[in-house]
Amino acid sequence: MMGVISEVRVPKNERVELYKDDNIIVVVPLTHRALRKYANSCQWCINSDEYEWEEYHKGIHAVIIQRHPKKDKKGVTGMETYGEIFLLSKLDNNEWDWKSVVEILGYDFGGSKERALEYFTKISNDINNFNLNIVYYSPENGLYDMEDNYLWNYNYEISDIPNVTPEVIKIMDDYLTR
């Protein structure tokens, strides 16, 4: 589901703006309230878990917001591809059973788990199938798309995110690893 990503006004004392141009805004939320405003349409656990955010994420991650969000891609199930990736990764990692995944997807891949996992491999090998309109980045803790797909598991790096240049990476890494 494509949500409108608007540039939210967060008080300056609740965030550090690391970078801004015509394509992206990079901010470090300093309060949980600021995080929730920037990432309100993301599925990250830290949005609803203030303790997790305070203990493990506060001040050590950046939120990268695409100023011109791309339209969500639909997959074979009719669901957005980033959602399919999330659900099929649960099947691939044996975290969820076949029946549960098929029920949620509303699609059974011709009754073949093997076919489902082949499709999963195909769509997860294209970074454009992930929702990168808002990205969580921490040099230590990882890289997540809006659906909470852990992009490092798919061999994607911060340099693979649209509009994130080497200059932006250096700015983020210098600030986040100080």
N, C-alpha and C. Protein backbone atom coordinates (compact mmCIF):
# COMPACT_ATOMS: atom_id res chain seq x y z
N MET A 1 0.85 -1.17 0.00
CA MET A 1 0.00 0.00 0.00
C MET A 1 0.89 1.24 0.00
N MET A 2 0.74 2.03 -0.98
CA MET A 2 1.57 3.23 -1.08
C MET A 2 0.94 4.33 -0.27
N GLY A 3 1.65 4.79 0.72
CA GLY A 3 1.17 5.92 1.50
C GLY A 3 1.84 7.18 0.99
N VAL A 4 1.20 8.27 1.21
CA VAL A 4 1.81 9.53 0.84
C VAL A 4 2.90 9.83 1.85
N ILE A 5 4.07 10.09 1.39
CA ILE A 5 5.17 10.43 2.26
C ILE A 5 5.31 11.93 2.23
N SER A 6 4.97 12.53 3.33
CA SER A 6 5.07 13.98 3.38
C SER A 6 6.24 14.37 4.27
N GLU A 7 6.77 15.51 4.01
CA GLU A 7 7.88 16.01 4.81
C GLU A 7 7.29 16.55 6.10
N VAL A 8 7.56 15.84 7.17
CA VAL A 8 6.98 16.14 8.46
C VAL A 8 7.86 17.15 9.19
N ARG A 9 7.23 18.10 9.81
CA ARG A 9 7.97 19.07 10.62
C ARG A 9 8.15 18.49 12.02
N VAL A 10 9.37 18.28 12.38
CA VAL A 10 9.73 17.79 13.71
C VAL A 10 10.60 18.87 14.33
N PRO A 11 10.33 19.25 15.57
CA PRO A 11 11.15 20.28 16.21
C PRO A 11 12.64 19.97 16.12
N LYS A 12 13.44 21.00 15.89
CA LYS A 12 14.89 20.82 15.70
C LYS A 12 15.56 20.12 16.87
N ASN A 13 15.04 20.30 18.09
CA ASN A 13 15.67 19.65 19.24
C ASN A 13 15.33 18.16 19.33
N GLU A 14 14.50 17.66 18.41
CA GLU A 14 14.14 16.24 18.40
C GLU A 14 14.78 15.48 17.24
N ARG A 15 15.62 16.16 16.49
CA ARG A 15 16.24 15.50 15.32
C ARG A 15 17.50 16.24 14.92
N VAL A 16 18.33 15.50 14.20
CA VAL A 16 19.50 16.09 13.55
C VAL A 16 19.32 15.86 12.06
N GLU A 17 19.28 16.93 11.31
CA GLU A 17 19.19 16.79 9.85
C GLU A 17 20.61 16.69 9.33
N LEU A 18 20.95 15.52 8.81
CA LEU A 18 22.31 15.29 8.31
C LEU A 18 22.48 15.75 6.88
N TYR A 19 21.42 15.63 6.10
CA TYR A 19 21.57 15.91 4.67
C TYR A 19 20.18 16.16 4.08
N LYS A 20 20.14 17.05 3.09
CA LYS A 20 18.89 17.32 2.39
C LYS A 20 19.22 17.85 1.01
N ASP A 21 18.60 17.27 0.00
CA ASP A 21 18.69 17.81 -1.36
C ASP A 21 17.34 17.62 -2.03
N ASP A 22 17.29 17.74 -3.34
CA ASP A 22 16.02 17.63 -4.06
C ASP A 22 15.46 16.21 -4.05
N ASN A 23 16.31 15.21 -3.73
CA ASN A 23 15.89 13.81 -3.81
C ASN A 23 15.65 13.13 -2.47
N ILE A 24 16.47 13.46 -1.47
CA ILE A 24 16.36 12.78 -0.18
C ILE A 24 16.54 13.74 0.99
N ILE A 25 16.05 13.29 2.12
CA ILE A 25 16.31 13.93 3.40
C ILE A 25 16.85 12.83 4.30
N VAL A 26 17.92 13.12 5.02
CA VAL A 26 18.49 12.16 5.96
C VAL A 26 18.45 12.81 7.34
N VAL A 27 17.75 12.15 8.26
CA VAL A 27 17.62 12.67 9.61
C VAL A 27 17.97 11.59 10.63
N VAL A 28 18.43 12.03 11.79
CA VAL A 28 18.63 11.15 12.93
C VAL A 28 17.59 11.59 13.97
N PRO A 29 16.58 10.75 14.22
CA PRO A 29 15.60 11.10 15.24
C PRO A 29 16.23 11.02 16.63
N LEU A 30 15.98 12.02 17.45
CA LEU A 30 16.54 12.05 18.81
C LEU A 30 15.50 11.68 19.86
N THR A 31 14.24 11.66 19.47
CA THR A 31 13.17 11.24 20.37
C THR A 31 12.33 10.18 19.68
N HIS A 32 11.65 9.38 20.47
CA HIS A 32 10.77 8.36 19.91
C HIS A 32 9.62 9.00 19.14
N ARG A 33 9.16 10.12 19.63
CA ARG A 33 8.09 10.85 18.93
C ARG A 33 8.55 11.26 17.52
N ALA A 34 9.78 11.74 17.41
CA ALA A 34 10.31 12.13 16.10
C ALA A 34 10.41 10.90 15.19
N LEU A 35 10.91 9.80 15.72
CA LEU A 35 11.00 8.57 14.92
C LEU A 35 9.61 8.20 14.39
N ARG A 36 8.63 8.19 15.25
CA ARG A 36 7.28 7.79 14.83
C ARG A 36 6.72 8.72 13.77
N LYS A 37 7.06 9.99 13.82
CA LYS A 37 6.58 10.91 12.78
C LYS A 37 7.24 10.60 11.44
N TYR A 38 8.55 10.39 11.45
CA TYR A 38 9.24 10.11 10.19
C TYR A 38 8.89 8.74 9.63
N ALA A 39 8.69 7.77 10.50
CA ALA A 39 8.52 6.39 10.06
C ALA A 39 7.11 5.87 10.31
N ASN A 40 6.13 6.77 10.31
CA ASN A 40 4.77 6.34 10.66
C ASN A 40 4.19 5.31 9.71
N SER A 41 4.64 5.25 8.47
CA SER A 41 4.11 4.26 7.53
C SER A 41 5.01 3.04 7.40
N CYS A 42 6.03 2.94 8.26
CA CYS A 42 6.96 1.80 8.23
C CYS A 42 6.52 0.73 9.23
N GLN A 43 6.92 -0.49 8.96
CA GLN A 43 6.56 -1.63 9.81
C GLN A 43 7.63 -1.95 10.85
N TRP A 44 8.51 -1.02 11.13
CA TRP A 44 9.61 -1.28 12.05
C TRP A 44 9.09 -1.46 13.47
N CYS A 45 9.64 -2.45 14.18
CA CYS A 45 9.20 -2.71 15.55
C CYS A 45 9.47 -1.52 16.47
N ILE A 46 10.49 -0.75 16.18
CA ILE A 46 10.84 0.38 17.05
C ILE A 46 9.81 1.50 17.01
N ASN A 47 8.92 1.48 16.02
CA ASN A 47 7.87 2.50 15.97
C ASN A 47 6.93 2.38 17.16
N SER A 48 6.63 1.14 17.53
CA SER A 48 5.68 0.94 18.63
C SER A 48 6.36 0.53 19.94
N ASP A 49 7.63 0.22 19.89
CA ASP A 49 8.34 -0.25 21.08
C ASP A 49 9.36 0.81 21.53
N GLU A 50 8.90 1.71 22.37
CA GLU A 50 9.75 2.81 22.81
C GLU A 50 10.98 2.31 23.58
N TYR A 51 10.82 1.26 24.37
CA TYR A 51 11.96 0.71 25.12
C TYR A 51 13.05 0.22 24.16
N GLU A 52 12.66 -0.55 23.15
CA GLU A 52 13.61 -1.06 22.15
C GLU A 52 14.34 0.10 21.50
N TRP A 53 13.61 1.14 21.13
CA TRP A 53 14.21 2.29 20.48
C TRP A 53 15.18 2.99 21.44
N GLU A 54 14.74 3.26 22.65
CA GLU A 54 15.58 3.96 23.63
C GLU A 54 16.86 3.19 23.94
N GLU A 55 16.75 1.88 24.09
CA GLU A 55 17.89 1.06 24.51
C GLU A 55 18.88 0.74 23.38
N TYR A 56 18.37 0.56 22.18
CA TYR A 56 19.22 0.01 21.12
C TYR A 56 19.34 0.84 19.85
N HIS A 57 18.51 1.86 19.67
CA HIS A 57 18.52 2.56 18.38
C HIS A 57 18.66 4.07 18.48
N LYS A 58 18.35 4.65 19.61
CA LYS A 58 18.32 6.10 19.77
C LYS A 58 19.67 6.72 19.41
N GLY A 59 19.64 7.61 18.43
CA GLY A 59 20.84 8.35 18.06
C GLY A 59 21.88 7.58 17.27
N ILE A 60 21.63 6.30 16.96
CA ILE A 60 22.63 5.53 16.22
C ILE A 60 22.12 5.07 14.85
N HIS A 61 21.01 5.62 14.42
CA HIS A 61 20.52 5.29 13.09
C HIS A 61 19.99 6.54 12.40
N ALA A 62 19.93 6.44 11.10
CA ALA A 62 19.39 7.53 10.29
C ALA A 62 18.14 7.02 9.56
N VAL A 63 17.27 7.94 9.28
CA VAL A 63 16.10 7.66 8.46
C VAL A 63 16.30 8.41 7.15
N ILE A 64 16.27 7.66 6.06
CA ILE A 64 16.46 8.23 4.73
C ILE A 64 15.09 8.27 4.06
N ILE A 65 14.67 9.47 3.72
CA ILE A 65 13.34 9.66 3.14
C ILE A 65 13.51 10.11 1.69
N GLN A 66 12.92 9.35 0.78
CA GLN A 66 12.92 9.72 -0.63
C GLN A 66 11.88 10.82 -0.81
N ARG A 67 12.26 11.94 -1.36
CA ARG A 67 11.33 13.06 -1.53
C ARG A 67 10.36 12.84 -2.68
N HIS A 68 10.69 11.92 -3.56
CA HIS A 68 9.82 11.57 -4.68
C HIS A 68 9.58 10.07 -4.62
N PRO A 69 8.66 9.62 -3.77
CA PRO A 69 8.46 8.19 -3.56
C PRO A 69 8.05 7.48 -4.84
N LYS A 70 8.53 6.24 -4.96
CA LYS A 70 8.14 5.45 -6.13
C LYS A 70 6.87 4.68 -5.82
N LYS A 71 6.17 4.33 -6.85
CA LYS A 71 4.93 3.57 -6.73
C LYS A 71 5.28 2.13 -6.35
N ASP A 72 4.47 1.56 -5.47
CA ASP A 72 4.68 0.18 -5.05
C ASP A 72 4.46 -0.77 -6.21
N LYS A 73 5.32 -1.80 -6.31
CA LYS A 73 5.17 -2.82 -7.34
C LYS A 73 4.29 -3.95 -6.79
N LYS A 74 3.41 -4.44 -7.62
CA LYS A 74 2.57 -5.58 -7.24
C LYS A 74 3.22 -6.86 -7.75
N GLY A 75 3.09 -7.91 -6.95
CA GLY A 75 3.63 -9.21 -7.32
C GLY A 75 2.54 -10.13 -7.84
N VAL A 76 2.88 -11.40 -8.03
CA VAL A 76 1.94 -12.37 -8.59
C VAL A 76 0.73 -12.61 -7.70
N THR A 77 0.86 -12.36 -6.42
CA THR A 77 -0.26 -12.59 -5.50
C THR A 77 -1.23 -11.42 -5.47
N GLY A 78 -0.86 -10.31 -6.10
CA GLY A 78 -1.66 -9.09 -6.03
C GLY A 78 -1.22 -8.19 -4.88
N MET A 79 -0.36 -8.69 -4.02
CA MET A 79 0.19 -7.93 -2.90
C MET A 79 1.43 -7.19 -3.38
N GLU A 80 1.84 -6.17 -2.67
CA GLU A 80 3.08 -5.48 -3.00
C GLU A 80 4.25 -6.46 -2.87
N THR A 81 5.23 -6.33 -3.76
CA THR A 81 6.35 -7.28 -3.76
C THR A 81 7.12 -7.25 -2.44
N TYR A 82 7.26 -6.08 -1.81
CA TYR A 82 8.00 -6.04 -0.55
C TYR A 82 7.28 -6.83 0.55
N GLY A 83 5.95 -6.89 0.50
CA GLY A 83 5.18 -7.71 1.44
C GLY A 83 5.33 -9.19 1.14
N GLU A 84 5.34 -9.52 -0.16
CA GLU A 84 5.58 -10.91 -0.55
C GLU A 84 6.95 -11.37 -0.07
N ILE A 85 7.95 -10.51 -0.26
CA ILE A 85 9.31 -10.85 0.18
C ILE A 85 9.32 -11.11 1.68
N PHE A 86 8.68 -10.23 2.45
CA PHE A 86 8.65 -10.39 3.90
C PHE A 86 8.02 -11.73 4.28
N LEU A 87 6.87 -12.03 3.72
CA LEU A 87 6.17 -13.27 4.07
C LEU A 87 6.90 -14.52 3.58
N LEU A 88 7.38 -14.47 2.34
CA LEU A 88 8.09 -15.63 1.81
C LEU A 88 9.42 -15.86 2.51
N SER A 89 10.03 -14.80 3.04
CA SER A 89 11.27 -14.99 3.82
C SER A 89 10.97 -15.76 5.09
N LYS A 90 9.80 -15.56 5.67
CA LYS A 90 9.39 -16.32 6.87
C LYS A 90 9.27 -17.80 6.54
N LEU A 91 8.75 -18.10 5.36
CA LEU A 91 8.65 -19.48 4.90
C LEU A 91 10.04 -20.05 4.63
N ASP A 92 10.86 -19.29 3.93
CA ASP A 92 12.22 -19.73 3.58
C ASP A 92 13.07 -20.00 4.82
N ASN A 93 12.87 -19.21 5.86
CA ASN A 93 13.64 -19.39 7.10
C ASN A 93 12.98 -20.34 8.09
N ASN A 94 11.91 -21.00 7.64
CA ASN A 94 11.15 -21.94 8.49
C ASN A 94 10.61 -21.29 9.76
N GLU A 95 10.34 -19.98 9.68
CA GLU A 95 9.73 -19.28 10.82
C GLU A 95 8.22 -19.45 10.78
N TRP A 96 7.64 -19.55 9.59
CA TRP A 96 6.21 -19.76 9.42
C TRP A 96 6.01 -20.97 8.52
N ASP A 97 4.88 -21.65 8.71
CA ASP A 97 4.61 -22.83 7.89
C ASP A 97 3.94 -22.45 6.57
N TRP A 98 3.98 -23.39 5.64
CA TRP A 98 3.45 -23.19 4.29
C TRP A 98 1.99 -22.75 4.32
N LYS A 99 1.18 -23.44 5.10
CA LYS A 99 -0.26 -23.14 5.14
C LYS A 99 -0.51 -21.70 5.60
N SER A 100 0.20 -21.24 6.60
CA SER A 100 0.00 -19.87 7.11
C SER A 100 0.39 -18.84 6.06
N VAL A 101 1.50 -19.04 5.40
CA VAL A 101 1.97 -18.09 4.39
C VAL A 101 1.00 -18.03 3.22
N VAL A 102 0.56 -19.19 2.75
CA VAL A 102 -0.39 -19.25 1.63
C VAL A 102 -1.69 -18.57 2.02
N GLU A 103 -2.13 -18.77 3.24
CA GLU A 103 -3.38 -18.15 3.70
C GLU A 103 -3.26 -16.63 3.72
N ILE A 104 -2.16 -16.13 4.22
CA ILE A 104 -1.97 -14.67 4.28
C ILE A 104 -1.83 -14.08 2.87
N LEU A 105 -1.06 -14.76 2.02
CA LEU A 105 -0.86 -14.27 0.66
C LEU A 105 -2.12 -14.40 -0.19
N GLY A 106 -2.95 -15.38 0.12
CA GLY A 106 -4.13 -15.63 -0.71
C GLY A 106 -3.76 -16.20 -2.06
N TYR A 107 -2.65 -16.90 -2.09
CA TYR A 107 -2.11 -17.43 -3.34
C TYR A 107 -1.27 -18.65 -2.98
N ASP A 108 -1.40 -19.75 -3.75
CA ASP A 108 -0.70 -20.97 -3.35
C ASP A 108 0.38 -21.46 -4.32
N PHE A 109 0.73 -20.64 -5.32
CA PHE A 109 1.81 -20.98 -6.24
C PHE A 109 1.62 -22.37 -6.85
N GLY A 110 0.37 -22.69 -7.21
CA GLY A 110 0.06 -24.00 -7.79
C GLY A 110 0.29 -25.13 -6.82
N GLY A 111 0.22 -24.82 -5.53
CA GLY A 111 0.41 -25.84 -4.50
C GLY A 111 1.86 -26.23 -4.27
N SER A 112 2.78 -25.46 -4.82
CA SER A 112 4.19 -25.83 -4.77
C SER A 112 5.01 -24.86 -3.91
N LYS A 113 5.49 -25.36 -2.79
CA LYS A 113 6.38 -24.56 -1.95
C LYS A 113 7.67 -24.24 -2.71
N GLU A 114 8.14 -25.20 -3.49
CA GLU A 114 9.36 -24.99 -4.29
C GLU A 114 9.18 -23.83 -5.26
N ARG A 115 8.02 -23.78 -5.93
CA ARG A 115 7.74 -22.68 -6.85
C ARG A 115 7.67 -21.34 -6.11
N ALA A 116 7.09 -21.36 -4.93
CA ALA A 116 7.00 -20.14 -4.11
C ALA A 116 8.39 -19.65 -3.76
N LEU A 117 9.28 -20.55 -3.38
CA LEU A 117 10.64 -20.15 -2.99
C LEU A 117 11.48 -19.72 -4.19
N GLU A 118 11.22 -20.30 -5.36
CA GLU A 118 11.88 -19.83 -6.59
C GLU A 118 11.45 -18.39 -6.89
N TYR A 119 10.17 -18.13 -6.74
CA TYR A 119 9.64 -16.78 -6.95
C TYR A 119 10.25 -15.81 -5.94
N PHE A 120 10.34 -16.23 -4.69
CA PHE A 120 10.94 -15.43 -3.63
C PHE A 120 12.38 -15.05 -4.00
N THR A 121 13.15 -16.00 -4.46
CA THR A 121 14.53 -15.73 -4.86
C THR A 121 14.57 -14.72 -5.99
N LYS A 122 13.69 -14.91 -6.97
CA LYS A 122 13.66 -13.99 -8.12
C LYS A 122 13.34 -12.56 -7.68
N ILE A 123 12.28 -12.37 -6.88
CA ILE A 123 11.90 -10.99 -6.53
C ILE A 123 12.85 -10.36 -5.53
N SER A 124 13.46 -11.16 -4.67
CA SER A 124 14.38 -10.58 -3.68
C SER A 124 15.74 -10.25 -4.30
N ASN A 125 16.01 -10.72 -5.51
CA ASN A 125 17.26 -10.39 -6.20
C ASN A 125 17.17 -9.08 -6.97
N ASP A 126 16.06 -8.37 -6.85
CA ASP A 126 15.89 -7.06 -7.50
C ASP A 126 15.54 -6.04 -6.42
N ILE A 127 16.46 -5.15 -6.13
CA ILE A 127 16.24 -4.18 -5.06
C ILE A 127 15.01 -3.32 -5.30
N ASN A 128 14.59 -3.18 -6.54
CA ASN A 128 13.40 -2.39 -6.85
C ASN A 128 12.10 -3.03 -6.34
N ASN A 129 12.17 -4.27 -5.89
CA ASN A 129 10.99 -4.94 -5.34
C ASN A 129 10.82 -4.65 -3.84
N PHE A 130 11.76 -3.96 -3.25
CA PHE A 130 11.67 -3.57 -1.85
C PHE A 130 11.08 -2.17 -1.78
N ASN A 131 10.52 -1.80 -0.63
CA ASN A 131 9.98 -0.45 -0.48
C ASN A 131 11.04 0.43 0.16
N LEU A 132 11.68 1.22 -0.66
CA LEU A 132 12.82 2.05 -0.25
C LEU A 132 12.45 3.52 -0.10
N ASN A 133 11.17 3.82 -0.03
CA ASN A 133 10.76 5.21 0.10
C ASN A 133 11.21 5.81 1.43
N ILE A 134 11.27 4.99 2.46
CA ILE A 134 11.86 5.36 3.74
C ILE A 134 12.72 4.19 4.17
N VAL A 135 13.96 4.47 4.53
CA VAL A 135 14.91 3.41 4.88
C VAL A 135 15.52 3.71 6.24
N TYR A 136 15.66 2.67 7.03
CA TYR A 136 16.39 2.74 8.31
C TYR A 136 17.82 2.34 8.01
N TYR A 137 18.79 3.12 8.50
CA TYR A 137 20.19 2.78 8.29
C TYR A 137 21.00 3.00 9.56
N SER A 138 21.75 2.00 9.92
CA SER A 138 22.74 2.09 10.99
C SER A 138 23.96 1.29 10.54
N PRO A 139 25.15 1.89 10.56
CA PRO A 139 26.33 1.15 10.14
C PRO A 139 26.55 -0.10 10.99
N GLU A 140 26.04 -0.10 12.22
CA GLU A 140 26.21 -1.24 13.12
C GLU A 140 25.02 -2.19 13.12
N ASN A 141 23.81 -1.64 13.03
CA ASN A 141 22.60 -2.44 13.22
C ASN A 141 21.86 -2.82 11.96
N GLY A 142 22.21 -2.25 10.83
CA GLY A 142 21.60 -2.73 9.61
C GLY A 142 20.89 -1.71 8.75
N LEU A 143 20.19 -2.27 7.78
CA LEU A 143 19.52 -1.54 6.73
C LEU A 143 18.16 -2.21 6.52
N TYR A 144 17.08 -1.43 6.69
CA TYR A 144 15.73 -1.98 6.59
C TYR A 144 14.88 -1.15 5.65
N ASP A 145 14.05 -1.84 4.86
CA ASP A 145 13.07 -1.12 4.05
C ASP A 145 11.83 -0.84 4.90
N MET A 146 10.83 -0.24 4.30
CA MET A 146 9.63 0.15 5.04
C MET A 146 8.85 -1.04 5.59
N GLU A 147 8.98 -2.19 4.96
CA GLU A 147 8.26 -3.40 5.39
C GLU A 147 9.02 -4.14 6.47
N ASP A 148 10.19 -3.63 6.87
CA ASP A 148 11.07 -4.24 7.87
C ASP A 148 11.84 -5.42 7.29
N ASN A 149 12.02 -5.42 5.97
CA ASN A 149 12.91 -6.41 5.36
C ASN A 149 14.34 -5.99 5.67
N TYR A 150 15.12 -6.91 6.22
CA TYR A 150 16.51 -6.66 6.59
C TYR A 150 17.37 -6.81 5.34
N LEU A 151 17.69 -5.69 4.72
CA LEU A 151 18.31 -5.69 3.39
C LEU A 151 19.69 -6.33 3.37
N TRP A 152 20.40 -6.32 4.48
CA TRP A 152 21.71 -6.98 4.51
C TRP A 152 21.58 -8.48 4.26
N ASN A 153 20.44 -9.07 4.63
CA ASN A 153 20.22 -10.50 4.36
C ASN A 153 20.15 -10.79 2.87
N TYR A 154 19.89 -9.77 2.08
CA TYR A 154 19.77 -9.93 0.63
C TYR A 154 20.99 -9.37 -0.10
N ASN A 155 22.04 -9.10 0.66
CA ASN A 155 23.31 -8.57 0.14
C ASN A 155 23.19 -7.17 -0.46
N TYR A 156 22.26 -6.38 0.07
CA TYR A 156 22.16 -4.99 -0.35
C TYR A 156 22.86 -4.12 0.69
N GLU A 157 23.49 -3.09 0.19
CA GLU A 157 24.22 -2.15 1.04
C GLU A 157 23.60 -0.78 0.93
N ILE A 158 24.03 0.12 1.77
CA ILE A 158 23.49 1.48 1.76
C ILE A 158 23.73 2.14 0.40
N SER A 159 24.79 1.77 -0.27
CA SER A 159 25.09 2.34 -1.59
C SER A 159 24.09 1.90 -2.66
N ASP A 160 23.28 0.88 -2.38
CA ASP A 160 22.26 0.41 -3.31
C ASP A 160 20.96 1.20 -3.22
N ILE A 161 20.83 2.02 -2.18
CA ILE A 161 19.60 2.79 -1.97
C ILE A 161 19.59 3.98 -2.95
N PRO A 162 18.48 4.19 -3.65
CA PRO A 162 18.42 5.30 -4.61
C PRO A 162 18.77 6.64 -3.96
N ASN A 163 19.53 7.44 -4.70
CA ASN A 163 19.89 8.81 -4.33
C ASN A 163 20.86 8.92 -3.15
N VAL A 164 21.37 7.80 -2.66
CA VAL A 164 22.34 7.84 -1.57
C VAL A 164 23.74 7.74 -2.20
N THR A 165 24.43 8.86 -2.19
CA THR A 165 25.74 8.97 -2.83
C THR A 165 26.85 8.64 -1.83
N PRO A 166 28.06 8.44 -2.30
CA PRO A 166 29.18 8.24 -1.38
C PRO A 166 29.32 9.40 -0.38
N GLU A 167 29.04 10.62 -0.82
CA GLU A 167 29.10 11.78 0.08
C GLU A 167 28.09 11.63 1.22
N VAL A 168 26.87 11.22 0.90
CA VAL A 168 25.83 11.04 1.92
C VAL A 168 26.22 9.91 2.87
N ILE A 169 26.75 8.84 2.33
CA ILE A 169 27.18 7.71 3.18
C ILE A 169 28.25 8.16 4.16
N LYS A 170 29.20 8.94 3.69
CA LYS A 170 30.25 9.44 4.57
C LYS A 170 29.69 10.34 5.67
N ILE A 171 28.78 11.21 5.30
CA ILE A 171 28.14 12.10 6.29
C ILE A 171 27.43 11.25 7.36
N MET A 172 26.66 10.26 6.93
CA MET A 172 25.93 9.41 7.88
C MET A 172 26.89 8.62 8.76
N ASP A 173 27.85 7.95 8.12
CA ASP A 173 28.78 7.11 8.88
C ASP A 173 29.61 7.94 9.86
N ASP A 174 30.07 9.12 9.44
CA ASP A 174 30.84 9.98 10.35
C ASP A 174 30.01 10.34 11.57
N TYR A 175 28.75 10.68 11.37
CA TYR A 175 27.91 11.07 12.48
C TYR A 175 27.52 9.86 13.36
N LEU A 176 27.13 8.76 12.72
CA LEU A 176 26.60 7.63 13.46
C LEU A 176 27.67 6.79 14.17
N THR A 177 28.91 6.92 13.76
CA THR A 177 29.97 6.12 14.40
C THR A 177 30.91 6.96 15.24
N ARG A 178 30.49 8.19 15.55
CA ARG A 178 31.35 9.09 16.33
C ARG A 178 31.54 8.59 17.74
